[in-house]
Amino acid sequence: MLLAKQQQKAQEQRLLEEQQQLLQQQQLAQQASYLHHPGVMPGAAGAVGAGAAAGGVPMIPDEYLPRNSILFLQNLPHDIAESQLVSLFQQYPGFKEVRTVPGKSGIAFVEYDNEYYSAAAKTALADYQIAPEHQMKVTFARK
């Protein structure tokens, strides 16, 4: 009985380590892509479901992503103005800028000076009702 529990724990540990390695590989690939294409925001192209397309390995859910100084906004109204987002997010310390993705409506990125400032804004604006039919989803951007 004890041996079976130890084996199960060891297997769970191996799976966790494999997931962490995959995440690190994805992050390195995105960083390399960003270095070769500096005008393109990391994670902007195919951020949703990209892991499943790249070899069938599911990506880590948004709520488990590590802290980051950049926030990823989803479920925005298609006609939202960048200035509206600036007004909303600049009320939190460390605000730097809002970036929209050309050709992609409903999403944006918000950058702060550091991950602590972005975490405070993320917590404050989680599930913010930005429009009557749009509850904004705020997560840390994938690195």
C-alpha atoms as a PDB file:
ATOM      1  CA  MET A   1       0.000   0.000   0.000  1.00  0.00           C
ATOM      2  CA  LEU A   2       2.791   2.427   0.949  1.00  0.00           C
ATOM      3  CA  LEU A   3       4.795   1.448  -2.128  1.00  0.00           C
ATOM      4  CA  ALA A   4       1.809   2.142  -4.401  1.00  0.00           C
ATOM      5  CA  LYS A   5       1.380   5.617  -2.906  1.00  0.00           C
ATOM      6  CA  GLN A   6       5.088   6.356  -3.329  1.00  0.00           C
ATOM      7  CA  GLN A   7       4.964   5.228  -6.960  1.00  0.00           C
ATOM      8  CA  GLN A   8       1.882   7.358  -7.610  1.00  0.00           C
ATOM      9  CA  LYS A   9       3.536  10.373  -6.004  1.00  0.00           C
ATOM     10  CA  ALA A  10       6.681   9.823  -8.070  1.00  0.00           C
ATOM     11  CA  GLN A  11       4.608   9.590 -11.262  1.00  0.00           C
ATOM     12  CA  GLU A  12       2.736  12.796 -10.391  1.00  0.00           C
ATOM     13  CA  GLN A  13       6.078  14.521  -9.768  1.00  0.00           C
ATOM     14  CA  ARG A  14       7.391  13.372 -13.180  1.00  0.00           C
ATOM     15  CA  LEU A  15       4.245  14.677 -14.902  1.00  0.00           C
ATOM     16  CA  LEU A  16       4.567  18.023 -13.153  1.00  0.00           C
ATOM     17  CA  GLU A  17       8.227  18.287 -14.172  1.00  0.00           C
ATOM     18  CA  GLU A  18       7.325  17.438 -17.785  1.00  0.00           C
ATOM     19  CA  GLN A  19       4.631  20.144 -17.806  1.00  0.00           C
ATOM     20  CA  GLN A  20       7.076  22.682 -16.399  1.00  0.00           C
ATOM     21  CA  GLN A  21       9.652  21.756 -19.060  1.00  0.00           C
ATOM     22  CA  LEU A  22       7.033  22.144 -21.803  1.00  0.00           C
ATOM     23  CA  LEU A  23       6.048  25.553 -20.454  1.00  0.00           C
ATOM     24  CA  GLN A  24       9.683  26.648 -20.370  1.00  0.00           C
ATOM     25  CA  GLN A  25      10.181  25.439 -23.949  1.00  0.00           C
ATOM     26  CA  GLN A  26       7.094  27.351 -25.095  1.00  0.00           C
ATOM     27  CA  GLN A  27       8.270  30.477 -23.311  1.00  0.00           C
ATOM     28  CA  LEU A  28      11.722  30.223 -24.887  1.00  0.00           C
ATOM     29  CA  ALA A  29      10.188  29.711 -28.327  1.00  0.00           C
ATOM     30  CA  GLN A  30       7.971  32.772 -27.884  1.00  0.00           C
ATOM     31  CA  GLN A  31      10.900  34.842 -26.673  1.00  0.00           C
ATOM     32  CA  ALA A  32      12.981  33.735 -29.654  1.00  0.00           C
ATOM     33  CA  SER A  33      10.108  34.621 -31.961  1.00  0.00           C
ATOM     34  CA  TYR A  34       9.832  38.043 -30.345  1.00  0.00           C
ATOM     35  CA  LEU A  35      13.554  38.662 -30.822  1.00  0.00           C
ATOM     36  CA  HIS A  36      13.235  37.872 -34.538  1.00  0.00           C
ATOM     37  CA  HIS A  37       9.973  39.860 -34.918  1.00  0.00           C
ATOM     38  CA  PRO A  38      10.145  42.723 -32.378  1.00  0.00           C
ATOM     39  CA  GLY A  39       7.023  44.428 -33.729  1.00  0.00           C
ATOM     40  CA  VAL A  40       4.894  41.409 -32.883  1.00  0.00           C
ATOM     41  CA  MET A  41       3.661  41.003 -29.335  1.00  0.00           C
ATOM     42  CA  PRO A  42       4.673  37.628 -27.821  1.00  0.00           C
ATOM     43  CA  GLY A  43       1.688  35.303 -27.641  1.00  0.00           C
ATOM     44  CA  ALA A  44      -0.462  37.538 -29.850  1.00  0.00           C
ATOM     45  CA  ALA A  45      -0.674  35.131 -32.762  1.00  0.00           C
ATOM     46  CA  GLY A  46      -2.689  32.097 -31.812  1.00  0.00           C
ATOM     47  CA  ALA A  47      -2.393  32.477 -28.043  1.00  0.00           C
ATOM     48  CA  VAL A  48      -5.624  30.589 -27.541  1.00  0.00           C
ATOM     49  CA  GLY A  49      -5.231  26.905 -28.287  1.00  0.00           C
ATOM     50  CA  ALA A  50      -1.745  27.265 -29.716  1.00  0.00           C
ATOM     51  CA  GLY A  51      -0.398  24.449 -27.551  1.00  0.00           C
ATOM     52  CA  ALA A  52      -2.916  21.950 -28.838  1.00  0.00           C
ATOM     53  CA  ALA A  53      -2.003  22.840 -32.405  1.00  0.00           C
ATOM     54  CA  ALA A  54       1.707  22.444 -31.712  1.00  0.00           C
ATOM     55  CA  GLY A  55       1.937  18.720 -31.142  1.00  0.00           C
ATOM     56  CA  GLY A  56      -1.313  18.032 -29.309  1.00  0.00           C
ATOM     57  CA  VAL A  57       0.034  19.081 -25.896  1.00  0.00           C
ATOM     58  CA  PRO A  58      -2.502  21.239 -24.033  1.00  0.00           C
ATOM     59  CA  MET A  59      -1.279  24.586 -22.737  1.00  0.00           C
ATOM     60  CA  ILE A  60      -1.438  25.556 -19.071  1.00  0.00           C
ATOM     61  CA  PRO A  61      -4.808  27.181 -18.261  1.00  0.00           C
ATOM     62  CA  ASP A  62      -4.731  30.973 -17.990  1.00  0.00           C
ATOM     63  CA  GLU A  63      -5.471  31.000 -14.261  1.00  0.00           C
ATOM     64  CA  TYR A  64      -2.230  29.064 -13.571  1.00  0.00           C
ATOM     65  CA  LEU A  65       0.120  31.250 -15.584  1.00  0.00           C
ATOM     66  CA  PRO A  66       3.062  32.759 -13.689  1.00  0.00           C
ATOM     67  CA  ARG A  67       3.032  36.446 -12.821  1.00  0.00           C
ATOM     68  CA  ASN A  68       4.089  38.813 -15.539  1.00  0.00           C
ATOM     69  CA  SER A  69       4.258  42.597 -15.924  1.00  0.00           C
ATOM     70  CA  ILE A  70       1.970  42.274 -18.965  1.00  0.00           C
ATOM     71  CA  LEU A  71      -1.742  41.506 -18.686  1.00  0.00           C
ATOM     72  CA  PHE A  72      -3.814  39.875 -21.412  1.00  0.00           C
ATOM     73  CA  LEU A  73      -7.377  41.150 -21.820  1.00  0.00           C
ATOM     74  CA  GLN A  74     -10.087  39.046 -23.449  1.00  0.00           C
ATOM     75  CA  ASN A  75     -13.802  39.368 -24.174  1.00  0.00           C
ATOM     76  CA  LEU A  76     -13.574  43.068 -24.955  1.00  0.00           C
ATOM     77  CA  PRO A  77     -16.277  44.756 -27.037  1.00  0.00           C
ATOM     78  CA  HIS A  78     -15.156  44.859 -30.659  1.00  0.00           C
ATOM     79  CA  ASP A  79     -15.691  48.620 -30.820  1.00  0.00           C
ATOM     80  CA  ILE A  80     -13.832  49.535 -27.609  1.00  0.00           C
ATOM     81  CA  ALA A  81     -11.431  52.448 -27.921  1.00  0.00           C
ATOM     82  CA  GLU A  82      -7.855  52.120 -26.706  1.00  0.00           C
ATOM     83  CA  SER A  83      -8.387  55.340 -24.723  1.00  0.00           C
ATOM     84  CA  GLN A  84     -11.156  53.635 -22.714  1.00  0.00           C
ATOM     85  CA  LEU A  85      -8.745  50.897 -21.676  1.00  0.00           C
ATOM     86  CA  VAL A  86      -6.048  53.450 -20.845  1.00  0.00           C
ATOM     87  CA  SER A  87      -8.525  55.320 -18.599  1.00  0.00           C
ATOM     88  CA  LEU A  88      -9.463  52.113 -16.828  1.00  0.00           C
ATOM     89  CA  PHE A  89      -5.960  50.719 -16.276  1.00  0.00           C
ATOM     90  CA  GLN A  90      -3.967  53.909 -15.665  1.00  0.00           C
ATOM     91  CA  GLN A  91      -5.676  54.362 -12.315  1.00  0.00           C
ATOM     92  CA  TYR A  92      -3.422  51.585 -10.975  1.00  0.00           C
ATOM     93  CA  PRO A  93       0.237  52.316 -10.108  1.00  0.00           C
ATOM     94  CA  GLY A  94       2.978  51.382 -12.537  1.00  0.00           C
ATOM     95  CA  PHE A  95       0.828  51.644 -15.675  1.00  0.00           C
ATOM     96  CA  LYS A  96       2.904  51.890 -18.883  1.00  0.00           C
ATOM     97  CA  GLU A  97       0.703  51.299 -21.920  1.00  0.00           C
ATOM     98  CA  VAL A  98      -2.161  49.498 -23.633  1.00  0.00           C
ATOM     99  CA  ARG A  99      -1.441  47.572 -26.839  1.00  0.00           C
ATOM    100  CA  THR A 100      -4.064  46.299 -29.189  1.00  0.00           C
ATOM    101  CA  VAL A 101      -3.395  43.645 -31.798  1.00  0.00           C
ATOM    102  CA  PRO A 102      -4.081  44.780 -35.373  1.00  0.00           C
ATOM    103  CA  GLY A 103      -6.650  42.535 -37.014  1.00  0.00           C
ATOM    104  CA  LYS A 104      -7.698  40.969 -33.701  1.00  0.00           C
ATOM    105  CA  SER A 105     -10.666  42.579 -32.006  1.00  0.00           C
ATOM    106  CA  GLY A 106     -11.759  41.658 -28.504  1.00  0.00           C
ATOM    107  CA  ILE A 107      -8.247  41.346 -27.050  1.00  0.00           C
ATOM    108  CA  ALA A 108      -5.503  43.682 -25.818  1.00  0.00           C
ATOM    109  CA  PHE A 109      -2.366  43.768 -23.693  1.00  0.00           C
ATOM    110  CA  VAL A 110      -1.652  46.126 -20.788  1.00  0.00           C
ATOM    111  CA  GLU A 111       1.883  46.629 -19.538  1.00  0.00           C
ATOM    112  CA  TYR A 112       2.958  47.709 -16.061  1.00  0.00           C
ATOM    113  CA  ASP A 113       6.372  48.526 -14.591  1.00  0.00           C
ATOM    114  CA  ASN A 114       6.565  45.175 -12.824  1.00  0.00           C
ATOM    115  CA  GLU A 115       4.586  42.034 -12.026  1.00  0.00           C
ATOM    116  CA  TYR A 116       3.440  43.348  -8.631  1.00  0.00           C
ATOM    117  CA  TYR A 117       1.694  46.341 -10.153  1.00  0.00           C
ATOM    118  CA  SER A 118       0.120  44.189 -12.857  1.00  0.00           C
ATOM    119  CA  ALA A 119      -1.062  41.680 -10.230  1.00  0.00           C
ATOM    120  CA  ALA A 120      -2.802  44.471  -8.305  1.00  0.00           C
ATOM    121  CA  ALA A 121      -4.600  45.683 -11.440  1.00  0.00           C
ATOM    122  CA  LYS A 122      -5.473  42.098 -12.416  1.00  0.00           C
ATOM    123  CA  THR A 123      -7.034  41.434  -9.027  1.00  0.00           C
ATOM    124  CA  ALA A 124      -8.948  44.713  -9.014  1.00  0.00           C
ATOM    125  CA  LEU A 125     -10.327  44.314 -12.540  1.00  0.00           C
ATOM    126  CA  ALA A 126     -10.948  40.555 -12.656  1.00  0.00           C
ATOM    127  CA  ASP A 127     -14.326  39.922 -14.301  1.00  0.00           C
ATOM    128  CA  TYR A 128     -14.907  43.666 -14.757  1.00  0.00           C
ATOM    129  CA  GLN A 129     -18.166  44.376 -16.609  1.00  0.00           C
ATOM    130  CA  ILE A 130     -16.732  46.558 -19.366  1.00  0.00           C
ATOM    131  CA  ALA A 131     -19.987  46.638 -21.340  1.00  0.00           C
ATOM    132  CA  PRO A 132     -23.497  45.278 -20.719  1.00  0.00           C
ATOM    133  CA  GLU A 133     -22.743  42.031 -22.545  1.00  0.00           C
ATOM    134  CA  HIS A 134     -18.969  41.877 -22.029  1.00  0.00           C
ATOM    135  CA  GLN A 135     -17.328  40.730 -18.820  1.00  0.00           C
ATOM    136  CA  MET A 136     -13.631  41.370 -19.350  1.00  0.00           C
ATOM    137  CA  LYS A 137     -11.260  38.488 -18.604  1.00  0.00           C
ATOM    138  CA  VAL A 138      -7.879  39.651 -17.255  1.00  0.00           C
ATOM    139  CA  THR A 139      -4.990  37.184 -17.038  1.00  0.00           C
ATOM    140  CA  PHE A 140      -1.213  37.373 -17.059  1.00  0.00           C
ATOM    141  CA  ALA A 141       0.134  37.243 -20.608  1.00  0.00           C
ATOM    142  CA  ARG A 142       2.006  34.134 -21.634  1.00  0.00           C
ATOM    143  CA  LYS A 143       5.750  34.757 -21.658  1.00  0.00           C
END
